[in-house]
Amino acid sequence: MIYQEGYVYHIKDEYFEKVRDSNLMQNKEGGTYRPTFYCLRDNKTSLLWMVPLSSRVEKFKAIHDKQVTKYGKCLTIVLGEFDGKEAAFLLQNMFPIRDYYLDHIHTRNNNPVPVKHSIHKEVTTRMKKIRQLHSRGKKVVFPDIDRLEQIMLAEVKDNAAE
């Protein structure tokens, strides 16, 4: 699967089986590809950072609003629209993968559905801030992204050696 910036993807079950992180939002049972993931390329490592989308907007709006009240902002949840519906972009659940684990792009009537540019900018900006905080030892993301990144980078290295 060839990654295109600005779109949402579904991930192969193989990824979740390999990394076994209980904090990841995994594909639903029964073969449905949910959740969907917005992804952004890390140009330093070539890995893709996946941000789960949730349609449970009310739940995440309450968490978002509570953080805004308490801290004056919420870095970990972006509320917006995707594919004509309200959605929550959950940066608190982001994680890295290799392109290999992309299964397919999210489509509507066989056409890829883009993410609005304003949401893309907001997610990108917040992701950079979250990764900076994480690099300084702040626990902002639920999955063990250091472990996941090492697994993916080891795969990249192994594939390059072949």
Protein backbone atom coordinates (compact mmCIF):
# COMPACT_ATOMS: atom_id res chain seq x y z
CA MET A 1 0.00 0.00 0.00
CA ILE A 2 1.42 3.38 -0.96
CA TYR A 3 0.86 6.09 1.65
CA GLN A 4 -0.70 9.39 0.56
CA GLU A 5 -0.71 12.29 3.01
CA GLY A 6 -4.08 13.68 4.02
CA TYR A 7 -6.07 10.44 4.05
CA VAL A 8 -7.32 7.89 6.54
CA TYR A 9 -6.31 4.24 6.48
CA HIS A 10 -7.14 0.84 7.90
CA ILE A 11 -4.42 -1.35 9.39
CA LYS A 12 -3.72 -5.06 8.94
CA ASP A 13 -4.51 -7.28 11.94
CA GLU A 14 -0.94 -8.55 11.57
CA TYR A 15 0.35 -5.33 13.16
CA PHE A 16 -1.72 -5.76 16.32
CA GLU A 17 -0.75 -9.44 16.56
CA LYS A 18 2.93 -8.53 16.27
CA VAL A 19 3.15 -5.69 18.78
CA ARG A 20 0.59 -6.88 21.35
CA ASP A 21 -0.09 -3.57 23.09
CA SER A 22 -3.36 -3.57 25.05
CA ASN A 23 -3.50 0.24 24.87
CA LEU A 24 -3.94 0.24 21.08
CA MET A 25 -7.37 0.66 19.52
CA GLN A 26 -7.51 -2.55 17.50
CA ASN A 27 -9.61 -3.68 14.56
CA LYS A 28 -13.06 -4.84 15.58
CA GLU A 29 -13.85 -8.53 15.50
CA GLY A 30 -15.85 -9.90 12.61
CA GLY A 31 -13.71 -8.45 9.85
CA THR A 32 -14.87 -4.83 10.03
CA TYR A 33 -12.03 -2.36 9.64
CA ARG A 34 -12.61 -0.05 12.54
CA PRO A 35 -11.26 2.14 13.85
CA THR A 36 -9.88 4.16 11.00
CA PHE A 37 -6.53 5.87 11.42
CA TYR A 38 -5.25 9.21 10.17
CA CYS A 39 -1.53 8.95 9.51
CA LEU A 40 1.42 11.25 9.15
CA ARG A 41 4.94 10.41 7.97
CA ASP A 42 7.91 10.95 10.30
CA ASN A 43 10.55 12.10 7.83
CA LYS A 44 13.40 11.25 10.23
CA THR A 45 12.51 7.57 10.60
CA SER A 46 10.18 7.01 7.60
CA LEU A 47 7.61 5.50 9.99
CA LEU A 48 3.94 6.47 9.84
CA TRP A 49 2.27 7.77 12.98
CA MET A 50 -1.31 6.55 13.23
CA VAL A 51 -4.02 8.59 14.98
CA PRO A 52 -7.26 6.67 15.66
CA LEU A 53 -10.56 8.33 14.79
CA SER A 54 -13.63 7.78 16.93
CA SER A 55 -17.28 8.44 16.14
CA ARG A 56 -17.99 8.56 19.89
CA VAL A 57 -17.67 12.33 19.80
CA GLU A 58 -19.76 13.08 22.91
CA LYS A 59 -17.50 10.88 25.07
CA PHE A 60 -14.32 12.52 23.81
CA LYS A 61 -15.82 16.04 23.75
CA ALA A 62 -16.44 15.68 27.50
CA ILE A 63 -12.79 14.65 28.05
CA HIS A 64 -11.61 17.45 25.73
CA ASP A 65 -13.71 20.08 27.52
CA LYS A 66 -12.56 18.88 30.95
CA GLN A 67 -8.92 19.29 29.90
CA VAL A 68 -9.60 22.74 28.44
CA THR A 69 -11.24 23.79 31.72
CA LYS A 70 -8.38 22.37 33.80
CA TYR A 71 -5.34 23.28 31.64
CA GLY A 72 -6.63 25.91 29.21
CA LYS A 73 -6.13 23.56 26.24
CA CYS A 74 -6.37 19.94 25.13
CA LEU A 75 -3.44 18.61 23.10
CA THR A 76 -4.52 14.98 22.89
CA ILE A 77 -7.97 15.17 21.24
CA VAL A 78 -8.87 17.08 18.07
CA LEU A 79 -12.59 17.43 17.39
CA GLY A 80 -13.63 17.87 13.79
CA GLU A 81 -15.38 16.40 10.80
CA PHE A 82 -14.43 13.44 8.66
CA ASP A 83 -16.45 11.87 5.85
CA GLY A 84 -19.43 14.13 6.59
CA LYS A 85 -19.63 13.15 10.27
CA GLU A 86 -18.29 14.52 13.52
CA ALA A 87 -15.17 12.69 14.65
CA ALA A 88 -12.59 12.75 17.42
CA PHE A 89 -8.94 12.41 16.37
CA LEU A 90 -7.31 10.68 19.33
CA LEU A 91 -3.69 11.74 19.54
CA GLN A 92 -3.64 10.24 23.04
CA ASN A 93 -3.73 6.84 21.28
CA MET A 94 -1.24 7.50 18.45
CA PHE A 95 1.41 4.95 17.53
CA PRO A 96 4.01 4.22 14.81
CA ILE A 97 3.84 1.63 12.02
CA ARG A 98 5.62 0.77 8.77
CA ASP A 99 3.90 1.27 5.42
CA TYR A 100 3.75 -2.53 5.14
CA TYR A 101 0.98 -2.65 7.77
CA LEU A 102 -1.36 -0.30 5.90
CA ASP A 103 -4.23 -2.44 4.63
CA HIS A 104 -6.23 0.04 2.57
CA ILE A 105 -7.28 3.66 2.32
CA HIS A 106 -10.72 4.64 3.65
CA THR A 107 -13.14 5.20 0.76
CA ARG A 108 -16.70 6.35 0.17
CA ASN A 109 -18.23 5.14 -3.11
CA ASN A 110 -14.78 3.83 -4.11
CA ASN A 111 -13.21 7.29 -3.72
CA PRO A 112 -10.58 8.04 -1.04
CA VAL A 113 -11.95 10.44 1.58
CA PRO A 114 -9.53 13.28 2.43
CA VAL A 115 -9.15 14.92 5.83
CA LYS A 116 -9.86 18.66 5.81
CA HIS A 117 -6.70 20.76 5.57
CA SER A 118 -7.50 22.68 8.78
CA ILE A 119 -7.74 19.41 10.73
CA HIS A 120 -4.55 18.11 9.10
CA LYS A 121 -2.69 21.24 10.27
CA GLU A 122 -4.08 21.00 13.80
CA VAL A 123 -3.28 17.28 14.15
CA THR A 124 0.24 17.81 12.75
CA THR A 125 0.97 20.71 15.12
CA ARG A 126 -0.34 18.89 18.17
CA MET A 127 1.47 15.68 17.26
CA LYS A 128 4.78 17.56 17.17
CA LYS A 129 4.07 19.09 20.59
CA ILE A 130 3.06 15.72 22.06
CA ARG A 131 6.21 14.05 20.73
CA GLN A 132 8.33 16.88 22.18
CA LEU A 133 6.65 16.45 25.57
CA HIS A 134 7.13 12.68 25.33
CA SER A 135 10.84 13.10 24.54
CA ARG A 136 11.12 15.12 27.78
CA GLY A 137 9.62 12.27 29.78
CA LYS A 138 5.99 13.42 29.96
CA LYS A 139 3.39 10.61 29.74
CA VAL A 140 0.90 12.01 27.23
CA VAL A 141 0.12 8.96 25.08
CA PHE A 142 -1.43 5.68 26.29
CA PRO A 143 0.44 3.13 24.09
CA ASP A 144 4.12 2.40 24.79
CA ILE A 145 5.27 4.35 21.74
CA ASP A 146 8.98 3.94 22.52
CA ARG A 147 8.66 0.14 22.44
CA LEU A 148 6.45 0.23 19.33
CA GLU A 149 8.84 2.56 17.54
CA GLN A 150 11.80 0.28 18.34
CA ILE A 151 9.91 -2.76 16.98
CA MET A 152 9.12 -0.92 13.75
CA LEU A 153 12.64 0.52 13.35
CA ALA A 154 14.12 -2.96 13.88
CA GLU A 155 11.87 -4.23 11.07
CA VAL A 156 12.99 -1.37 8.80
CA LYS A 157 16.63 -2.24 9.55
CA ASP A 158 16.05 -5.98 8.98
CA ASN A 159 14.30 -5.32 5.66
CA ALA A 160 17.09 -3.00 4.53
CA ALA A 161 19.67 -5.72 5.28
CA GLU A 162 17.84 -8.29 3.13
